[in-house]
Amino acid sequence: MMTAAAACFAWPLLHSAPASAEKAVPIAAPAADLTSAKGTQTAVFAGGCYWGMEAVFENVKGVKSVTSGFAGGTASTANYAAVSSERTKHAESIRITYDPAKVSYGTLLRIYFSVAHDPTQLNQQTPDVGPSYRSAIFPVGPDQERVARAYIAQLGKSGVFRKPIVTKIEIGRFYPAAEDHQDFMRKNPNHPYIVRWDKPKVAAFRAAYPALAR
């Protein structure tokens, strides 16, 4: 099993410039959203290394917890060592537990598309390369699927992204990653990968959506 300290990708820019607030892509809220959801809900998104995705959504008001893991493959190979072979069909993913009275599924999607990752990168997410880093949504039920598909179509028609959106709607169970991968940014704020790639992402979220940030 690869340790968390070596996970996501052994990229060469370990001593790159420190974090600075990057800009989120300014996109409209979804025209269709879930307004009747009651009680605690879950959402599963894939968009590159789960450390950064987790860190962004842990800062969103109404989110109760975020779990890093894998979706789209089987339980027997749902571990980092196997998934990093790029033969298991998993995607590095996060499972978000949230209160729909405080933050809607559509709002989570807006954050996901505008700042949590780049939905125009196919089978990669800078600086990581491979299908396990793909952009994918794993809807929890038909209502989430309906809203996600409608939003992808809405964003595609808007032309706000310079390249086509490659995000796929997929079906698959979610499997939590090992404990040393959970809450990684909070536990390892000075890790080189976190400093170079994930702190700027969180800063961009807080700058773009101050009313949604904790």
C-alpha atoms as a PDB file:
ATOM      1  CA  MET A   1       0.000   0.000   0.000  1.00  0.00           C
ATOM      2  CA  MET A   2       1.434   3.355  -0.995  1.00  0.00           C
ATOM      3  CA  THR A   3       1.604   5.769   1.902  1.00  0.00           C
ATOM      4  CA  ALA A   4      -0.415   8.950   1.853  1.00  0.00           C
ATOM      5  CA  ALA A   5       2.772  10.992   1.792  1.00  0.00           C
ATOM      6  CA  ALA A   6       3.561   9.576  -1.664  1.00  0.00           C
ATOM      7  CA  ALA A   7       0.031   9.555  -3.034  1.00  0.00           C
ATOM      8  CA  CYS A   8      -1.725  11.483  -5.816  1.00  0.00           C
ATOM      9  CA  PHE A   9       1.380  11.806  -7.962  1.00  0.00           C
ATOM     10  CA  ALA A  10       5.123  12.163  -7.514  1.00  0.00           C
ATOM     11  CA  TRP A  11       5.104  15.397  -9.501  1.00  0.00           C
ATOM     12  CA  PRO A  12       8.431  17.164  -9.999  1.00  0.00           C
ATOM     13  CA  LEU A  13       7.471  20.629  -8.768  1.00  0.00           C
ATOM     14  CA  LEU A  14       7.927  19.969  -5.058  1.00  0.00           C
ATOM     15  CA  HIS A  15       9.466  23.382  -4.514  1.00  0.00           C
ATOM     16  CA  SER A  16       7.183  25.454  -6.725  1.00  0.00           C
ATOM     17  CA  ALA A  17       5.754  28.794  -5.688  1.00  0.00           C
ATOM     18  CA  PRO A  18       3.637  28.870  -2.509  1.00  0.00           C
ATOM     19  CA  ALA A  19      -0.132  29.069  -2.497  1.00  0.00           C
ATOM     20  CA  SER A  20      -1.901  32.119  -3.833  1.00  0.00           C
ATOM     21  CA  ALA A  21      -5.557  32.716  -4.551  1.00  0.00           C
ATOM     22  CA  GLU A  22      -6.372  31.514  -8.034  1.00  0.00           C
ATOM     23  CA  LYS A  23      -9.601  32.572  -9.699  1.00  0.00           C
ATOM     24  CA  ALA A  24     -12.700  30.409  -9.892  1.00  0.00           C
ATOM     25  CA  VAL A  25     -14.493  30.202 -13.232  1.00  0.00           C
ATOM     26  CA  PRO A  26     -17.552  32.501 -12.908  1.00  0.00           C
ATOM     27  CA  ILE A  27     -20.525  30.287 -13.740  1.00  0.00           C
ATOM     28  CA  ALA A  28     -24.245  30.723 -13.160  1.00  0.00           C
ATOM     29  CA  ALA A  29     -26.115  28.658 -10.605  1.00  0.00           C
ATOM     30  CA  PRO A  30     -27.981  25.644 -11.993  1.00  0.00           C
ATOM     31  CA  ALA A  31     -31.361  26.486 -13.494  1.00  0.00           C
ATOM     32  CA  ALA A  32     -32.635  23.199 -12.043  1.00  0.00           C
ATOM     33  CA  ASP A  33     -31.917  22.170  -8.463  1.00  0.00           C
ATOM     34  CA  LEU A  34     -33.186  19.830  -5.769  1.00  0.00           C
ATOM     35  CA  THR A  35     -35.569  21.783  -3.569  1.00  0.00           C
ATOM     36  CA  SER A  36     -37.520  19.016  -1.855  1.00  0.00           C
ATOM     37  CA  ALA A  37     -34.661  16.995  -0.317  1.00  0.00           C
ATOM     38  CA  LYS A  38     -35.082  16.509   3.427  1.00  0.00           C
ATOM     39  CA  GLY A  39     -32.674  15.266   6.051  1.00  0.00           C
ATOM     40  CA  THR A  40     -28.978  14.517   5.604  1.00  0.00           C
ATOM     41  CA  GLN A  41     -28.020  13.868   1.976  1.00  0.00           C
ATOM     42  CA  THR A  42     -24.891  12.596   0.212  1.00  0.00           C
ATOM     43  CA  ALA A  43     -23.157  13.494  -3.047  1.00  0.00           C
ATOM     44  CA  VAL A  44     -20.230  11.764  -4.760  1.00  0.00           C
ATOM     45  CA  PHE A  45     -17.876  13.684  -7.058  1.00  0.00           C
ATOM     46  CA  ALA A  46     -14.624  12.749  -8.798  1.00  0.00           C
ATOM     47  CA  GLY A  47     -12.242  15.418 -10.028  1.00  0.00           C
ATOM     48  CA  GLY A  48      -8.588  14.622  -9.587  1.00  0.00           C
ATOM     49  CA  CYS A  49      -6.669  14.019  -6.373  1.00  0.00           C
ATOM     50  CA  TYR A  50      -9.185  13.710  -3.582  1.00  0.00           C
ATOM     51  CA  TRP A  51      -7.082  15.736  -1.142  1.00  0.00           C
ATOM     52  CA  GLY A  52      -7.931  19.025  -2.826  1.00  0.00           C
ATOM     53  CA  MET A  53     -11.545  18.150  -3.532  1.00  0.00           C
ATOM     54  CA  GLU A  54     -11.986  17.163   0.097  1.00  0.00           C
ATOM     55  CA  ALA A  55     -10.338  20.363   1.337  1.00  0.00           C
ATOM     56  CA  VAL A  56     -12.602  22.614  -0.737  1.00  0.00           C
ATOM     57  CA  PHE A  57     -15.861  20.995   0.336  1.00  0.00           C
ATOM     58  CA  GLU A  58     -14.851  20.785   3.985  1.00  0.00           C
ATOM     59  CA  ASN A  59     -14.936  24.587   3.889  1.00  0.00           C
ATOM     60  CA  VAL A  60     -18.518  24.797   2.592  1.00  0.00           C
ATOM     61  CA  LYS A  61     -21.292  25.809   4.987  1.00  0.00           C
ATOM     62  CA  GLY A  62     -23.873  23.062   5.332  1.00  0.00           C
ATOM     63  CA  VAL A  63     -21.402  20.268   4.611  1.00  0.00           C
ATOM     64  CA  LYS A  64     -21.255  17.915   7.576  1.00  0.00           C
ATOM     65  CA  SER A  65     -18.382  15.704   6.476  1.00  0.00           C
ATOM     66  CA  VAL A  66     -16.271  14.770   3.468  1.00  0.00           C
ATOM     67  CA  THR A  67     -14.732  11.334   2.928  1.00  0.00           C
ATOM     68  CA  SER A  68     -11.980  10.622   0.420  1.00  0.00           C
ATOM     69  CA  GLY A  69     -12.174   7.358  -1.487  1.00  0.00           C
ATOM     70  CA  PHE A  70     -12.797   5.578  -4.766  1.00  0.00           C
ATOM     71  CA  ALA A  71     -15.888   5.105  -6.937  1.00  0.00           C
ATOM     72  CA  GLY A  72     -16.648   3.192 -10.100  1.00  0.00           C
ATOM     73  CA  GLY A  73     -14.832  -0.093  -9.474  1.00  0.00           C
ATOM     74  CA  THR A  74     -15.090  -3.058  -7.125  1.00  0.00           C
ATOM     75  CA  ALA A  75     -14.410  -3.415  -3.413  1.00  0.00           C
ATOM     76  CA  SER A  76     -11.524  -5.834  -3.880  1.00  0.00           C
ATOM     77  CA  THR A  77      -9.329  -3.246  -5.608  1.00  0.00           C
ATOM     78  CA  ALA A  78     -10.566  -0.089  -3.879  1.00  0.00           C
ATOM     79  CA  ASN A  79      -7.205   0.899  -2.423  1.00  0.00           C
ATOM     80  CA  TYR A  80      -4.609   3.413  -3.539  1.00  0.00           C
ATOM     81  CA  ALA A  81      -1.969   0.909  -4.598  1.00  0.00           C
ATOM     82  CA  ALA A  82      -4.380  -0.909  -6.903  1.00  0.00           C
ATOM     83  CA  VAL A  83      -6.167   2.179  -8.219  1.00  0.00           C
ATOM     84  CA  SER A  84      -2.873   3.864  -9.111  1.00  0.00           C
ATOM     85  CA  SER A  85      -2.212   1.038 -11.583  1.00  0.00           C
ATOM     86  CA  GLU A  86      -4.996   2.632 -13.696  1.00  0.00           C
ATOM     87  CA  ARG A  87      -6.528  -0.789 -14.356  1.00  0.00           C
ATOM     88  CA  THR A  88      -9.299  -0.932 -11.736  1.00  0.00           C
ATOM     89  CA  LYS A  89     -11.775   1.524 -13.337  1.00  0.00           C
ATOM     90  CA  HIS A  90     -12.066   3.496 -10.086  1.00  0.00           C
ATOM     91  CA  ALA A  91     -11.953   7.270  -9.867  1.00  0.00           C
ATOM     92  CA  GLU A  92     -10.474   9.103  -6.913  1.00  0.00           C
ATOM     93  CA  SER A  93     -13.627  10.572  -5.400  1.00  0.00           C
ATOM     94  CA  ILE A  94     -15.143  12.271  -2.408  1.00  0.00           C
ATOM     95  CA  ARG A  95     -18.404  11.543  -0.630  1.00  0.00           C
ATOM     96  CA  ILE A  96     -20.017  14.682   0.754  1.00  0.00           C
ATOM     97  CA  THR A  97     -22.554  14.476   3.571  1.00  0.00           C
ATOM     98  CA  TYR A  98     -24.570  17.684   3.693  1.00  0.00           C
ATOM     99  CA  ASP A  99     -27.663  19.420   5.053  1.00  0.00           C
ATOM    100  CA  PRO A 100     -29.905  20.394   2.098  1.00  0.00           C
ATOM    101  CA  ALA A 101     -31.560  23.046   4.262  1.00  0.00           C
ATOM    102  CA  LYS A 102     -28.220  24.885   4.323  1.00  0.00           C
ATOM    103  CA  VAL A 103     -26.620  24.016   0.986  1.00  0.00           C
ATOM    104  CA  SER A 104     -28.298  22.516  -2.061  1.00  0.00           C
ATOM    105  CA  TYR A 105     -27.041  19.823  -4.398  1.00  0.00           C
ATOM    106  CA  GLY A 106     -27.004  22.402  -7.175  1.00  0.00           C
ATOM    107  CA  THR A 107     -24.773  24.684  -5.120  1.00  0.00           C
ATOM    108  CA  LEU A 108     -22.363  21.817  -4.519  1.00  0.00           C
ATOM    109  CA  LEU A 109     -22.292  21.205  -8.273  1.00  0.00           C
ATOM    110  CA  ARG A 110     -21.564  24.867  -8.914  1.00  0.00           C
ATOM    111  CA  ILE A 111     -18.545  24.733  -6.593  1.00  0.00           C
ATOM    112  CA  TYR A 112     -17.456  21.437  -8.151  1.00  0.00           C
ATOM    113  CA  PHE A 113     -17.474  22.830 -11.686  1.00  0.00           C
ATOM    114  CA  SER A 114     -16.189  26.336 -11.009  1.00  0.00           C
ATOM    115  CA  VAL A 115     -13.361  25.846  -8.544  1.00  0.00           C
ATOM    116  CA  ALA A 116     -12.966  22.324  -7.098  1.00  0.00           C
ATOM    117  CA  HIS A 117     -11.567  20.966 -10.375  1.00  0.00           C
ATOM    118  CA  ASP A 118     -11.294  21.646 -14.113  1.00  0.00           C
ATOM    119  CA  PRO A 119     -14.126  19.805 -15.911  1.00  0.00           C
ATOM    120  CA  THR A 120     -12.432  20.181 -19.307  1.00  0.00           C
ATOM    121  CA  GLN A 121      -9.480  17.890 -18.535  1.00  0.00           C
ATOM    122  CA  LEU A 122      -9.939  14.362 -19.882  1.00  0.00           C
ATOM    123  CA  ASN A 123      -8.594  11.498 -17.746  1.00  0.00           C
ATOM    124  CA  GLN A 124      -6.355  13.801 -15.800  1.00  0.00           C
ATOM    125  CA  GLN A 125      -6.335  16.731 -13.443  1.00  0.00           C
ATOM    126  CA  THR A 126      -3.206  18.827 -13.326  1.00  0.00           C
ATOM    127  CA  PRO A 127      -0.716  17.716 -12.157  1.00  0.00           C
ATOM    128  CA  ASP A 128      -2.018  14.108 -12.091  1.00  0.00           C
ATOM    129  CA  VAL A 129      -2.570  11.957 -15.169  1.00  0.00           C
ATOM    130  CA  GLY A 130      -4.667   8.827 -15.672  1.00  0.00           C
ATOM    131  CA  PRO A 131      -8.328   7.767 -15.747  1.00  0.00           C
ATOM    132  CA  SER A 132      -8.470   7.495 -11.954  1.00  0.00           C
ATOM    133  CA  TYR A 133      -8.214  11.307 -11.962  1.00  0.00           C
ATOM    134  CA  ARG A 134     -11.143  11.744 -14.352  1.00  0.00           C
ATOM    135  CA  SER A 135     -14.013  14.171 -13.978  1.00  0.00           C
ATOM    136  CA  ALA A 136     -17.141  12.231 -13.051  1.00  0.00           C
ATOM    137  CA  ILE A 137     -20.321  12.515 -11.022  1.00  0.00           C
ATOM    138  CA  PHE A 138     -21.836   9.483  -9.302  1.00  0.00           C
ATOM    139  CA  PRO A 139     -25.444  10.526  -8.625  1.00  0.00           C
ATOM    140  CA  VAL A 140     -27.164   9.231  -5.520  1.00  0.00           C
ATOM    141  CA  GLY A 141     -30.583   8.650  -7.056  1.00  0.00           C
ATOM    142  CA  PRO A 142     -32.420   9.793 -10.187  1.00  0.00           C
ATOM    143  CA  ASP A 143     -33.071  13.332  -8.957  1.00  0.00           C
ATOM    144  CA  GLN A 144     -29.368  14.044  -8.576  1.00  0.00           C
ATOM    145  CA  GLU A 145     -28.734  12.552 -12.005  1.00  0.00           C
ATOM    146  CA  ARG A 146     -31.405  14.780 -13.548  1.00  0.00           C
ATOM    147  CA  VAL A 147     -29.952  17.932 -11.995  1.00  0.00           C
ATOM    148  CA  ALA A 148     -26.356  17.010 -12.860  1.00  0.00           C
ATOM    149  CA  ARG A 149     -27.163  16.260 -16.508  1.00  0.00           C
ATOM    150  CA  ALA A 150     -29.168  19.467 -16.844  1.00  0.00           C
ATOM    151  CA  TYR A 151     -26.335  21.518 -15.370  1.00  0.00           C
ATOM    152  CA  ILE A 152     -23.712  20.002 -17.649  1.00  0.00           C
ATOM    153  CA  ALA A 153     -25.937  20.871 -20.605  1.00  0.00           C
ATOM    154  CA  GLN A 154     -26.518  24.376 -19.248  1.00  0.00           C
ATOM    155  CA  LEU A 155     -22.808  25.027 -18.797  1.00  0.00           C
ATOM    156  CA  GLY A 156     -22.026  23.604 -22.216  1.00  0.00           C
ATOM    157  CA  LYS A 157     -24.497  25.948 -23.888  1.00  0.00           C
ATOM    158  CA  SER A 158     -23.219  28.941 -21.943  1.00  0.00           C
ATOM    159  CA  GLY A 159     -19.758  28.718 -23.495  1.00  0.00           C
ATOM    160  CA  VAL A 160     -18.160  29.819 -20.222  1.00  0.00           C
ATOM    161  CA  PHE A 161     -15.448  27.171 -20.534  1.00  0.00           C
ATOM    162  CA  ARG A 162     -12.976  27.538 -23.385  1.00  0.00           C
ATOM    163  CA  LYS A 163     -12.895  23.778 -23.950  1.00  0.00           C
ATOM    164  CA  PRO A 164     -15.713  21.191 -23.921  1.00  0.00           C
ATOM    165  CA  ILE A 165     -16.816  19.792 -20.581  1.00  0.00           C
ATOM    166  CA  VAL A 166     -15.765  16.133 -20.343  1.00  0.00           C
ATOM    167  CA  THR A 167     -17.473  15.287 -17.044  1.00  0.00           C
ATOM    168  CA  LYS A 168     -19.306  11.967 -17.193  1.00  0.00           C
ATOM    169  CA  ILE A 169     -22.293  10.708 -15.233  1.00  0.00           C
ATOM    170  CA  GLU A 170     -21.363   7.290 -13.891  1.00  0.00           C
ATOM    171  CA  ILE A 171     -22.796   4.521 -11.734  1.00  0.00           C
ATOM    172  CA  GLY A 172     -20.736   2.869  -9.019  1.00  0.00           C
ATOM    173  CA  ARG A 173     -20.350   2.344  -5.311  1.00  0.00           C
ATOM    174  CA  PHE A 174     -18.162   4.542  -3.150  1.00  0.00           C
ATOM    175  CA  TYR A 175     -15.372   3.000  -1.076  1.00  0.00           C
ATOM    176  CA  PRO A 176     -13.545   5.066   1.592  1.00  0.00           C
ATOM    177  CA  ALA A 177      -9.779   5.364   1.309  1.00  0.00           C
ATOM    178  CA  ALA A 178      -7.418   4.441   4.140  1.00  0.00           C
ATOM    179  CA  GLU A 179      -7.489   6.583   7.262  1.00  0.00           C
ATOM    180  CA  ASP A 180      -4.178   8.293   6.492  1.00  0.00           C
ATOM    181  CA  HIS A 181      -5.782   9.797   3.375  1.00  0.00           C
ATOM    182  CA  GLN A 182      -8.697  11.371   5.278  1.00  0.00           C
ATOM    183  CA  ASP A 183      -8.636  15.097   6.195  1.00  0.00           C
ATOM    184  CA  PHE A 184      -5.232  15.200   4.577  1.00  0.00           C
ATOM    185  CA  MET A 185      -4.878  18.946   4.157  1.00  0.00           C
ATOM    186  CA  ARG A 186      -5.975  19.648   7.716  1.00  0.00           C
ATOM    187  CA  LYS A 187      -3.504  17.091   9.075  1.00  0.00           C
ATOM    188  CA  ASN A 188      -0.673  17.968   6.672  1.00  0.00           C
ATOM    189  CA  PRO A 189      -0.955  21.699   5.862  1.00  0.00           C
ATOM    190  CA  ASN A 190       2.710  21.990   4.891  1.00  0.00           C
ATOM    191  CA  HIS A 191       2.876  18.961   2.602  1.00  0.00           C
ATOM    192  CA  PRO A 192       4.435  20.175  -0.712  1.00  0.00           C
ATOM    193  CA  TYR A 193       1.536  18.900  -2.836  1.00  0.00           C
ATOM    194  CA  ILE A 194      -0.984  20.623  -0.557  1.00  0.00           C
ATOM    195  CA  VAL A 195       0.936  23.902  -0.589  1.00  0.00           C
ATOM    196  CA  ARG A 196       1.399  23.960  -4.363  1.00  0.00           C
ATOM    197  CA  TRP A 197      -1.959  22.671  -5.594  1.00  0.00           C
ATOM    198  CA  ASP A 198      -4.636  22.550  -2.899  1.00  0.00           C
ATOM    199  CA  LYS A 199      -4.207  25.646  -0.770  1.00  0.00           C
ATOM    200  CA  PRO A 200      -4.667  27.840  -3.877  1.00  0.00           C
ATOM    201  CA  LYS A 201      -7.842  25.924  -4.684  1.00  0.00           C
ATOM    202  CA  VAL A 202      -9.298  26.540  -1.224  1.00  0.00           C
ATOM    203  CA  ALA A 203      -8.265  30.195  -1.416  1.00  0.00           C
ATOM    204  CA  ALA A 204     -10.014  30.498  -4.778  1.00  0.00           C
ATOM    205  CA  PHE A 205     -13.197  29.014  -3.334  1.00  0.00           C
ATOM    206  CA  ARG A 206     -13.220  31.374  -0.387  1.00  0.00           C
ATOM    207  CA  ALA A 207     -12.602  34.370  -2.651  1.00  0.00           C
ATOM    208  CA  ALA A 208     -15.331  33.417  -5.131  1.00  0.00           C
ATOM    209  CA  TYR A 209     -17.979  32.263  -2.649  1.00  0.00           C
ATOM    210  CA  PRO A 210     -17.455  34.131   0.640  1.00  0.00           C
ATOM    211  CA  ALA A 211     -21.094  33.665   1.659  1.00  0.00           C
ATOM    212  CA  LEU A 212     -20.737  29.892   1.320  1.00  0.00           C
ATOM    213  CA  ALA A 213     -17.428  29.590   3.173  1.00  0.00           C
ATOM    214  CA  ARG A 214     -17.147  28.618   6.807  1.00  0.00           C
END
